[in-house]
Amino acid sequence: MSAPPPSGQMPPRQQAGRKRFWKQVSVVPEALPESLSPAGTPTGFAVQLDGRSVRLPGKAALCVPSHALAQALAAEWQEAGQAGEGYFTPADLPLTGIAGSMIERIPASREGVVSSLLAYVESDLLCYRDGANPRLAAQQAAAWDPWTQWLERAFGVELRVTSGVMPICQPAETVQALGAALEALDLGELAALGVAVPALGSLVLGLALLRDAGTPGELVACATLDERAQMAIWGEDTEVTDRIASIQAEVEHAARFLALIRAG
């Protein structure tokens, strides 16, 4: 056991996160995991630290099919730990977190991931309007109806909308059609939705991000309409603004991940 600090002195501050241990970050060709290897293109791009591939929690290499994404991942690792006395946390590596889900988590539990995303159909933020505040309900209709209408045009399904918080059941054909759409997505798209949909509280808005139908800023503005309306009345709340900023960051990371992996 270590000795206590001298009287009147504070113990050393415990550092959060892990200590940076590498000097050089590089991207090299490497065989893709089988789940990410389309026919005829088995080679991907792995991120290495001082010549050794980054290993994810399940021991798979951080290897992706897109060179643009690999370069962005490498930039994250190059930046991690450069400040804060050399310590970094997973929050410093958001693209790596999404890539890790794509490589390890989703292939192992794809059905569960699809089910968890599909569950948002029944609880989608856009379907529950304020039943006690007509002014807010009108704002919600103006901001949210265009997105439920977009879903109808894009996927051929209709969502039921209600006033209040009592749960409603969506048409079985709507759930079935959206489930089929989710099943058809590739691992990268599911990984991005796994970040965006919970952040936005809406499968509709998540699918809009996936289809490039709206910018992260536009979609976050829709998802945080209620909070911003309350602050317009009662004044700014730093906890709320911090939460909105966190949502914005998560949705932007998901959008950037999609753009990079599609860039090839």
C-alpha atoms as a PDB file:
ATOM      1  CA  MET A   1       0.000   0.000   0.000  1.00  0.00           C
ATOM      2  CA  SER A   2       1.345   3.437  -0.851  1.00  0.00           C
ATOM      3  CA  ALA A   3       1.957   5.982   1.853  1.00  0.00           C
ATOM      4  CA  PRO A   4      -0.600   8.768   2.318  1.00  0.00           C
ATOM      5  CA  PRO A   5       0.342  12.198   1.006  1.00  0.00           C
ATOM      6  CA  PRO A   6       1.954  14.644   3.451  1.00  0.00           C
ATOM      7  CA  SER A   7      -0.461  16.621   5.562  1.00  0.00           C
ATOM      8  CA  GLY A   8      -2.083  19.467   3.657  1.00  0.00           C
ATOM      9  CA  GLN A   9      -1.334  18.016   0.219  1.00  0.00           C
ATOM     10  CA  MET A  10      -3.858  16.507  -2.178  1.00  0.00           C
ATOM     11  CA  PRO A  11      -3.259  13.050  -3.645  1.00  0.00           C
ATOM     12  CA  PRO A  12      -2.237  12.949  -7.332  1.00  0.00           C
ATOM     13  CA  ARG A  13      -5.147  13.437  -9.739  1.00  0.00           C
ATOM     14  CA  GLN A  14      -6.308  10.212 -11.362  1.00  0.00           C
ATOM     15  CA  GLN A  15      -6.055  10.526 -15.129  1.00  0.00           C
ATOM     16  CA  ALA A  16      -9.074   9.504 -17.180  1.00  0.00           C
ATOM     17  CA  GLY A  17      -8.665   7.229 -20.161  1.00  0.00           C
ATOM     18  CA  ARG A  18      -5.587   5.526 -21.541  1.00  0.00           C
ATOM     19  CA  LYS A  19      -2.100   6.851 -22.140  1.00  0.00           C
ATOM     20  CA  ARG A  20      -0.917   7.344 -25.713  1.00  0.00           C
ATOM     21  CA  PHE A  21       1.875   4.856 -26.400  1.00  0.00           C
ATOM     22  CA  TRP A  22       2.564   5.190 -30.139  1.00  0.00           C
ATOM     23  CA  LYS A  23       4.459   7.633 -32.316  1.00  0.00           C
ATOM     24  CA  GLN A  24       3.509   6.832 -35.899  1.00  0.00           C
ATOM     25  CA  VAL A  25       0.118   6.052 -37.458  1.00  0.00           C
ATOM     26  CA  SER A  26      -0.145   4.503 -40.909  1.00  0.00           C
ATOM     27  CA  VAL A  27      -2.635   2.893 -43.280  1.00  0.00           C
ATOM     28  CA  VAL A  28      -1.646  -0.349 -45.008  1.00  0.00           C
ATOM     29  CA  PRO A  29      -3.409  -2.889 -47.259  1.00  0.00           C
ATOM     30  CA  GLU A  30      -4.743  -5.875 -45.319  1.00  0.00           C
ATOM     31  CA  ALA A  31      -7.252  -8.669 -45.895  1.00  0.00           C
ATOM     32  CA  LEU A  32     -10.768  -7.660 -44.914  1.00  0.00           C
ATOM     33  CA  PRO A  33     -12.800  -9.652 -42.407  1.00  0.00           C
ATOM     34  CA  GLU A  34     -15.022 -12.121 -44.257  1.00  0.00           C
ATOM     35  CA  SER A  35     -18.178 -10.197 -43.276  1.00  0.00           C
ATOM     36  CA  LEU A  36     -16.862  -7.067 -45.029  1.00  0.00           C
ATOM     37  CA  SER A  37     -15.338  -8.714 -48.086  1.00  0.00           C
ATOM     38  CA  PRO A  38     -17.513  -8.353 -51.173  1.00  0.00           C
ATOM     39  CA  ALA A  39     -16.820 -10.841 -53.971  1.00  0.00           C
ATOM     40  CA  GLY A  40     -13.589 -10.058 -55.767  1.00  0.00           C
ATOM     41  CA  THR A  41     -12.379  -7.297 -53.426  1.00  0.00           C
ATOM     42  CA  PRO A  42     -10.848  -9.015 -50.381  1.00  0.00           C
ATOM     43  CA  THR A  43      -8.259  -6.338 -49.617  1.00  0.00           C
ATOM     44  CA  GLY A  44      -9.044  -3.484 -47.275  1.00  0.00           C
ATOM     45  CA  PHE A  45      -7.103  -0.830 -45.421  1.00  0.00           C
ATOM     46  CA  ALA A  46      -5.887  -1.314 -41.870  1.00  0.00           C
ATOM     47  CA  VAL A  47      -4.795   1.317 -39.362  1.00  0.00           C
ATOM     48  CA  GLN A  48      -1.455   0.600 -37.721  1.00  0.00           C
ATOM     49  CA  LEU A  49       0.281   2.149 -34.727  1.00  0.00           C
ATOM     50  CA  ASP A  50       4.059   1.926 -34.992  1.00  0.00           C
ATOM     51  CA  GLY A  51       3.670  -0.875 -37.523  1.00  0.00           C
ATOM     52  CA  ARG A  52       1.106  -2.940 -35.596  1.00  0.00           C
ATOM     53  CA  SER A  53      -2.564  -3.119 -36.534  1.00  0.00           C
ATOM     54  CA  VAL A  54      -5.034  -1.542 -34.130  1.00  0.00           C
ATOM     55  CA  ARG A  55      -7.016  -4.329 -32.463  1.00  0.00           C
ATOM     56  CA  LEU A  56     -10.660  -3.900 -31.508  1.00  0.00           C
ATOM     57  CA  PRO A  57     -12.055  -5.292 -28.208  1.00  0.00           C
ATOM     58  CA  GLY A  58     -12.864  -8.608 -29.907  1.00  0.00           C
ATOM     59  CA  LYS A  59      -9.285  -8.757 -31.290  1.00  0.00           C
ATOM     60  CA  ALA A  60     -10.260  -8.069 -34.909  1.00  0.00           C
ATOM     61  CA  ALA A  61      -8.039  -5.656 -36.806  1.00  0.00           C
ATOM     62  CA  LEU A  62      -9.314  -2.149 -37.504  1.00  0.00           C
ATOM     63  CA  CYS A  63      -9.535  -2.830 -41.230  1.00  0.00           C
ATOM     64  CA  VAL A  64     -12.142  -1.197 -43.488  1.00  0.00           C
ATOM     65  CA  PRO A  65     -13.055  -1.434 -47.188  1.00  0.00           C
ATOM     66  CA  SER A  66     -12.683   2.304 -47.838  1.00  0.00           C
ATOM     67  CA  HIS A  67      -9.307   4.036 -48.138  1.00  0.00           C
ATOM     68  CA  ALA A  68     -10.944   7.394 -47.364  1.00  0.00           C
ATOM     69  CA  LEU A  69     -12.407   5.995 -44.141  1.00  0.00           C
ATOM     70  CA  ALA A  70      -9.111   4.367 -43.177  1.00  0.00           C
ATOM     71  CA  GLN A  71      -7.316   7.695 -43.605  1.00  0.00           C
ATOM     72  CA  ALA A  72      -9.899   9.399 -41.380  1.00  0.00           C
ATOM     73  CA  LEU A  73      -9.520   6.658 -38.759  1.00  0.00           C
ATOM     74  CA  ALA A  74      -5.756   7.098 -38.878  1.00  0.00           C
ATOM     75  CA  ALA A  75      -6.191  10.850 -38.371  1.00  0.00           C
ATOM     76  CA  GLU A  76      -8.265  10.145 -35.241  1.00  0.00           C
ATOM     77  CA  TRP A  77      -5.527   7.961 -33.806  1.00  0.00           C
ATOM     78  CA  GLN A  78      -2.850  10.477 -34.772  1.00  0.00           C
ATOM     79  CA  GLU A  79      -4.728  13.171 -32.840  1.00  0.00           C
ATOM     80  CA  ALA A  80      -5.697  11.023 -29.828  1.00  0.00           C
ATOM     81  CA  GLY A  81      -3.676  11.821 -26.751  1.00  0.00           C
ATOM     82  CA  GLN A  82      -1.948  14.838 -28.263  1.00  0.00           C
ATOM     83  CA  ALA A  83      -3.554  17.010 -25.575  1.00  0.00           C
ATOM     84  CA  GLY A  84      -4.525  16.342 -21.980  1.00  0.00           C
ATOM     85  CA  GLU A  85      -1.124  15.065 -20.861  1.00  0.00           C
ATOM     86  CA  GLY A  86      -1.191  12.265 -23.394  1.00  0.00           C
ATOM     87  CA  TYR A  87      -4.426  10.583 -22.287  1.00  0.00           C
ATOM     88  CA  PHE A  88      -7.361   9.722 -24.532  1.00  0.00           C
ATOM     89  CA  THR A  89     -10.787   8.085 -24.224  1.00  0.00           C
ATOM     90  CA  PRO A  90     -13.176   6.384 -26.687  1.00  0.00           C
ATOM     91  CA  ALA A  91     -14.888   9.759 -27.085  1.00  0.00           C
ATOM     92  CA  ASP A  92     -11.758  10.899 -28.931  1.00  0.00           C
ATOM     93  CA  LEU A  93     -12.252   8.109 -31.500  1.00  0.00           C
ATOM     94  CA  PRO A  94     -15.887   8.356 -32.675  1.00  0.00           C
ATOM     95  CA  LEU A  95     -15.305   6.998 -36.177  1.00  0.00           C
ATOM     96  CA  THR A  96     -13.333   4.098 -34.731  1.00  0.00           C
ATOM     97  CA  GLY A  97     -16.304   3.292 -32.500  1.00  0.00           C
ATOM     98  CA  ILE A  98     -18.662   3.122 -35.482  1.00  0.00           C
ATOM     99  CA  ALA A  99     -16.154   1.084 -37.488  1.00  0.00           C
ATOM    100  CA  GLY A 100     -15.764  -1.297 -34.549  1.00  0.00           C
ATOM    101  CA  SER A 101     -19.508  -1.917 -34.539  1.00  0.00           C
ATOM    102  CA  MET A 102     -19.400  -2.571 -38.268  1.00  0.00           C
ATOM    103  CA  ILE A 103     -16.514  -5.032 -37.969  1.00  0.00           C
ATOM    104  CA  GLU A 104     -17.313  -6.892 -34.738  1.00  0.00           C
ATOM    105  CA  ARG A 105     -20.642  -6.169 -33.079  1.00  0.00           C
ATOM    106  CA  ILE A 106     -23.102  -6.174 -35.978  1.00  0.00           C
ATOM    107  CA  PRO A 107     -21.881  -9.329 -37.769  1.00  0.00           C
ATOM    108  CA  ALA A 108     -22.224 -11.196 -34.471  1.00  0.00           C
ATOM    109  CA  SER A 109     -25.746  -9.931 -33.729  1.00  0.00           C
ATOM    110  CA  ARG A 110     -27.188  -8.503 -36.935  1.00  0.00           C
ATOM    111  CA  GLU A 111     -30.731  -9.698 -36.194  1.00  0.00           C
ATOM    112  CA  GLY A 112     -30.720  -8.039 -32.775  1.00  0.00           C
ATOM    113  CA  VAL A 113     -29.361  -4.787 -34.200  1.00  0.00           C
ATOM    114  CA  VAL A 114     -32.077  -4.693 -36.864  1.00  0.00           C
ATOM    115  CA  SER A 115     -34.740  -5.463 -34.247  1.00  0.00           C
ATOM    116  CA  SER A 116     -33.542  -2.700 -31.943  1.00  0.00           C
ATOM    117  CA  LEU A 117     -33.642  -0.158 -34.779  1.00  0.00           C
ATOM    118  CA  LEU A 118     -37.041  -1.352 -35.955  1.00  0.00           C
ATOM    119  CA  ALA A 119     -38.414  -0.897 -32.432  1.00  0.00           C
ATOM    120  CA  TYR A 120     -38.190   2.858 -33.012  1.00  0.00           C
ATOM    121  CA  VAL A 121     -41.080   2.552 -35.473  1.00  0.00           C
ATOM    122  CA  GLU A 122     -43.493   2.254 -32.541  1.00  0.00           C
ATOM    123  CA  SER A 123     -41.901   5.010 -30.458  1.00  0.00           C
ATOM    124  CA  ASP A 124     -40.693   7.389 -33.160  1.00  0.00           C
ATOM    125  CA  LEU A 125     -40.456  10.948 -31.856  1.00  0.00           C
ATOM    126  CA  LEU A 126     -42.212  12.342 -34.918  1.00  0.00           C
ATOM    127  CA  CYS A 127     -45.393  10.367 -34.220  1.00  0.00           C
ATOM    128  CA  TYR A 128     -46.110  11.830 -30.767  1.00  0.00           C
ATOM    129  CA  ARG A 129     -47.399  15.389 -30.764  1.00  0.00           C
ATOM    130  CA  ASP A 130     -48.149  17.593 -27.773  1.00  0.00           C
ATOM    131  CA  GLY A 131     -51.771  17.207 -26.726  1.00  0.00           C
ATOM    132  CA  ALA A 132     -51.856  20.063 -24.214  1.00  0.00           C
ATOM    133  CA  ASN A 133     -50.062  22.883 -26.012  1.00  0.00           C
ATOM    134  CA  PRO A 134     -51.671  23.785 -29.352  1.00  0.00           C
ATOM    135  CA  ARG A 135     -48.875  26.204 -30.236  1.00  0.00           C
ATOM    136  CA  LEU A 136     -46.188  23.565 -29.763  1.00  0.00           C
ATOM    137  CA  ALA A 137     -48.309  20.992 -31.606  1.00  0.00           C
ATOM    138  CA  ALA A 138     -48.509  23.367 -34.561  1.00  0.00           C
ATOM    139  CA  GLN A 139     -44.722  23.788 -34.525  1.00  0.00           C
ATOM    140  CA  GLN A 140     -44.304  20.026 -34.405  1.00  0.00           C
ATOM    141  CA  ALA A 141     -46.648  19.538 -37.348  1.00  0.00           C
ATOM    142  CA  ALA A 142     -44.806  22.152 -39.402  1.00  0.00           C
ATOM    143  CA  ALA A 143     -41.393  20.612 -38.673  1.00  0.00           C
ATOM    144  CA  TRP A 144     -42.246  16.905 -38.566  1.00  0.00           C
ATOM    145  CA  ASP A 145     -44.987  16.354 -41.150  1.00  0.00           C
ATOM    146  CA  PRO A 146     -42.560  16.901 -44.062  1.00  0.00           C
ATOM    147  CA  TRP A 147     -40.428  14.021 -42.763  1.00  0.00           C
ATOM    148  CA  THR A 148     -43.295  11.565 -42.270  1.00  0.00           C
ATOM    149  CA  GLN A 149     -44.417  12.519 -45.788  1.00  0.00           C
ATOM    150  CA  TRP A 150     -40.874  11.939 -47.049  1.00  0.00           C
ATOM    151  CA  LEU A 151     -40.920   8.464 -45.497  1.00  0.00           C
ATOM    152  CA  GLU A 152     -44.170   7.704 -47.309  1.00  0.00           C
ATOM    153  CA  ARG A 153     -42.676   8.768 -50.653  1.00  0.00           C
ATOM    154  CA  ALA A 154     -39.323   7.033 -50.105  1.00  0.00           C
ATOM    155  CA  PHE A 155     -40.539   3.740 -48.624  1.00  0.00           C
ATOM    156  CA  GLY A 156     -44.210   3.570 -49.568  1.00  0.00           C
ATOM    157  CA  VAL A 157     -45.402   3.362 -45.960  1.00  0.00           C
ATOM    158  CA  GLU A 158     -47.618   5.471 -43.718  1.00  0.00           C
ATOM    159  CA  LEU A 159     -47.031   6.284 -40.050  1.00  0.00           C
ATOM    160  CA  ARG A 160     -49.854   6.936 -37.626  1.00  0.00           C
ATOM    161  CA  VAL A 161     -49.562  10.128 -35.587  1.00  0.00           C
ATOM    162  CA  THR A 162     -51.143  10.812 -32.195  1.00  0.00           C
ATOM    163  CA  SER A 163     -51.498  13.569 -29.616  1.00  0.00           C
ATOM    164  CA  GLY A 164     -50.075  12.756 -26.205  1.00  0.00           C
ATOM    165  CA  VAL A 165     -47.750  10.041 -24.972  1.00  0.00           C
ATOM    166  CA  MET A 166     -49.953   6.941 -24.958  1.00  0.00           C
ATOM    167  CA  PRO A 167     -48.342   4.317 -27.215  1.00  0.00           C
ATOM    168  CA  ILE A 168     -49.836   3.656 -30.612  1.00  0.00           C
ATOM    169  CA  CYS A 169     -49.349   0.665 -32.895  1.00  0.00           C
ATOM    170  CA  GLN A 170     -48.156   1.288 -36.417  1.00  0.00           C
ATOM    171  CA  PRO A 171     -49.697  -0.642 -39.328  1.00  0.00           C
ATOM    172  CA  ALA A 172     -48.247  -4.124 -39.689  1.00  0.00           C
ATOM    173  CA  GLU A 173     -47.386  -3.454 -43.326  1.00  0.00           C
ATOM    174  CA  THR A 174     -45.391  -0.369 -42.290  1.00  0.00           C
ATOM    175  CA  VAL A 175     -43.365  -2.334 -39.751  1.00  0.00           C
ATOM    176  CA  GLN A 176     -42.819  -5.138 -42.249  1.00  0.00           C
ATOM    177  CA  ALA A 177     -41.675  -2.817 -45.035  1.00  0.00           C
ATOM    178  CA  LEU A 178     -39.268  -0.877 -42.817  1.00  0.00           C
ATOM    179  CA  GLY A 179     -37.937  -4.128 -41.385  1.00  0.00           C
ATOM    180  CA  ALA A 180     -37.196  -5.359 -44.901  1.00  0.00           C
ATOM    181  CA  ALA A 181     -35.464  -2.056 -45.688  1.00  0.00           C
ATOM    182  CA  LEU A 182     -33.245  -2.407 -42.617  1.00  0.00           C
ATOM    183  CA  GLU A 183     -32.456  -6.033 -43.457  1.00  0.00           C
ATOM    184  CA  ALA A 184     -31.212  -4.923 -46.864  1.00  0.00           C
ATOM    185  CA  LEU A 185     -28.654  -2.458 -45.445  1.00  0.00           C
ATOM    186  CA  ASP A 186     -24.964  -3.253 -45.367  1.00  0.00           C
ATOM    187  CA  LEU A 187     -22.913  -3.396 -42.177  1.00  0.00           C
ATOM    188  CA  GLY A 188     -21.612   0.153 -42.478  1.00  0.00           C
ATOM    189  CA  GLU A 189     -25.091   1.591 -42.928  1.00  0.00           C
ATOM    190  CA  LEU A 190     -26.399  -0.340 -39.929  1.00  0.00           C
ATOM    191  CA  ALA A 191     -23.448   0.856 -37.834  1.00  0.00           C
ATOM    192  CA  ALA A 192     -24.150   4.481 -38.730  1.00  0.00           C
ATOM    193  CA  LEU A 193     -27.866   4.085 -38.008  1.00  0.00           C
ATOM    194  CA  GLY A 194     -26.953   2.485 -34.675  1.00  0.00           C
ATOM    195  CA  VAL A 195     -25.525   5.862 -33.677  1.00  0.00           C
ATOM    196  CA  ALA A 196     -27.901   8.243 -35.424  1.00  0.00           C
ATOM    197  CA  VAL A 197     -31.281   6.681 -34.609  1.00  0.00           C
ATOM    198  CA  PRO A 198     -30.889   6.570 -30.787  1.00  0.00           C
ATOM    199  CA  ALA A 199     -29.389  10.073 -30.825  1.00  0.00           C
ATOM    200  CA  LEU A 200     -32.315  11.472 -32.823  1.00  0.00           C
ATOM    201  CA  GLY A 201     -34.979   9.314 -31.175  1.00  0.00           C
ATOM    202  CA  SER A 202     -36.373   8.667 -34.624  1.00  0.00           C
ATOM    203  CA  LEU A 203     -36.001   5.962 -37.222  1.00  0.00           C
ATOM    204  CA  VAL A 204     -37.537   8.333 -39.763  1.00  0.00           C
ATOM    205  CA  LEU A 205     -34.820  10.940 -39.240  1.00  0.00           C
ATOM    206  CA  GLY A 206     -32.140   8.254 -39.174  1.00  0.00           C
ATOM    207  CA  LEU A 207     -33.281   6.921 -42.542  1.00  0.00           C
ATOM    208  CA  ALA A 208     -33.349  10.481 -43.881  1.00  0.00           C
ATOM    209  CA  LEU A 209     -29.690  10.813 -42.873  1.00  0.00           C
ATOM    210  CA  LEU A 210     -28.916   7.504 -44.565  1.00  0.00           C
ATOM    211  CA  ARG A 211     -30.595   8.643 -47.796  1.00  0.00           C
ATOM    212  CA  ASP A 212     -28.959  12.118 -47.699  1.00  0.00           C
ATOM    213  CA  ALA A 213     -32.426  13.657 -47.499  1.00  0.00           C
ATOM    214  CA  GLY A 214     -31.401  16.116 -44.786  1.00  0.00           C
ATOM    215  CA  THR A 215     -28.276  17.561 -43.223  1.00  0.00           C
ATOM    216  CA  PRO A 216     -27.270  16.664 -39.666  1.00  0.00           C
ATOM    217  CA  GLY A 217     -28.178  20.193 -38.597  1.00  0.00           C
ATOM    218  CA  GLU A 218     -31.663  19.992 -40.092  1.00  0.00           C
ATOM    219  CA  LEU A 219     -32.345  16.586 -38.579  1.00  0.00           C
ATOM    220  CA  VAL A 220     -31.075  17.542 -35.124  1.00  0.00           C
ATOM    221  CA  ALA A 221     -33.200  20.698 -35.237  1.00  0.00           C
ATOM    222  CA  CYS A 222     -36.262  18.483 -35.794  1.00  0.00           C
ATOM    223  CA  ALA A 223     -35.275  16.061 -33.049  1.00  0.00           C
ATOM    224  CA  THR A 224     -34.735  18.834 -30.491  1.00  0.00           C
ATOM    225  CA  LEU A 225     -37.719  21.002 -31.368  1.00  0.00           C
ATOM    226  CA  ASP A 226     -39.406  20.504 -27.983  1.00  0.00           C
ATOM    227  CA  GLU A 227     -36.289  21.429 -26.003  1.00  0.00           C
ATOM    228  CA  ARG A 228     -35.635  24.528 -28.073  1.00  0.00           C
ATOM    229  CA  ALA A 229     -39.273  25.606 -27.774  1.00  0.00           C
ATOM    230  CA  GLN A 230     -39.053  25.358 -23.988  1.00  0.00           C
ATOM    231  CA  MET A 231     -35.845  27.406 -23.912  1.00  0.00           C
ATOM    232  CA  ALA A 232     -37.490  30.060 -26.084  1.00  0.00           C
ATOM    233  CA  ILE A 233     -39.998  30.507 -23.255  1.00  0.00           C
ATOM    234  CA  TRP A 234     -37.917  29.949 -20.123  1.00  0.00           C
ATOM    235  CA  GLY A 235     -34.427  30.872 -21.231  1.00  0.00           C
ATOM    236  CA  GLU A 236     -31.342  28.898 -22.102  1.00  0.00           C
ATOM    237  CA  ASP A 237     -30.436  25.860 -19.998  1.00  0.00           C
ATOM    238  CA  THR A 238     -26.814  24.756 -20.239  1.00  0.00           C
ATOM    239  CA  GLU A 239     -27.700  21.120 -19.571  1.00  0.00           C
ATOM    240  CA  VAL A 240     -30.105  21.178 -22.493  1.00  0.00           C
ATOM    241  CA  THR A 241     -27.724  22.993 -24.817  1.00  0.00           C
ATOM    242  CA  ASP A 242     -24.969  20.531 -23.909  1.00  0.00           C
ATOM    243  CA  ARG A 243     -27.303  17.635 -24.695  1.00  0.00           C
ATOM    244  CA  ILE A 244     -28.234  19.167 -28.052  1.00  0.00           C
ATOM    245  CA  ALA A 245     -24.551  19.671 -28.855  1.00  0.00           C
ATOM    246  CA  SER A 246     -23.885  16.023 -27.989  1.00  0.00           C
ATOM    247  CA  ILE A 247     -26.694  14.874 -30.298  1.00  0.00           C
ATOM    248  CA  GLN A 248     -25.350  17.112 -33.053  1.00  0.00           C
ATOM    249  CA  ALA A 249     -21.863  15.615 -32.689  1.00  0.00           C
ATOM    250  CA  GLU A 250     -23.147  12.025 -32.790  1.00  0.00           C
ATOM    251  CA  VAL A 251     -25.251  12.624 -35.893  1.00  0.00           C
ATOM    252  CA  GLU A 252     -22.380  14.414 -37.618  1.00  0.00           C
ATOM    253  CA  HIS A 253     -20.053  11.486 -36.855  1.00  0.00           C
ATOM    254  CA  ALA A 254     -22.585   9.052 -38.337  1.00  0.00           C
ATOM    255  CA  ALA A 255     -23.014  11.211 -41.451  1.00  0.00           C
ATOM    256  CA  ARG A 256     -19.259  11.553 -41.899  1.00  0.00           C
ATOM    257  CA  PHE A 257     -18.780   7.802 -41.505  1.00  0.00           C
ATOM    258  CA  LEU A 258     -21.345   7.163 -44.247  1.00  0.00           C
ATOM    259  CA  ALA A 259     -19.756   9.709 -46.592  1.00  0.00           C
ATOM    260  CA  LEU A 260     -16.261   8.283 -46.063  1.00  0.00           C
ATOM    261  CA  ILE A 261     -17.157   4.622 -46.501  1.00  0.00           C
ATOM    262  CA  ARG A 262     -19.109   5.452 -49.654  1.00  0.00           C
ATOM    263  CA  ALA A 263     -16.169   7.436 -51.022  1.00  0.00           C
ATOM    264  CA  GLY A 264     -14.153   4.220 -51.364  1.00  0.00           C
END
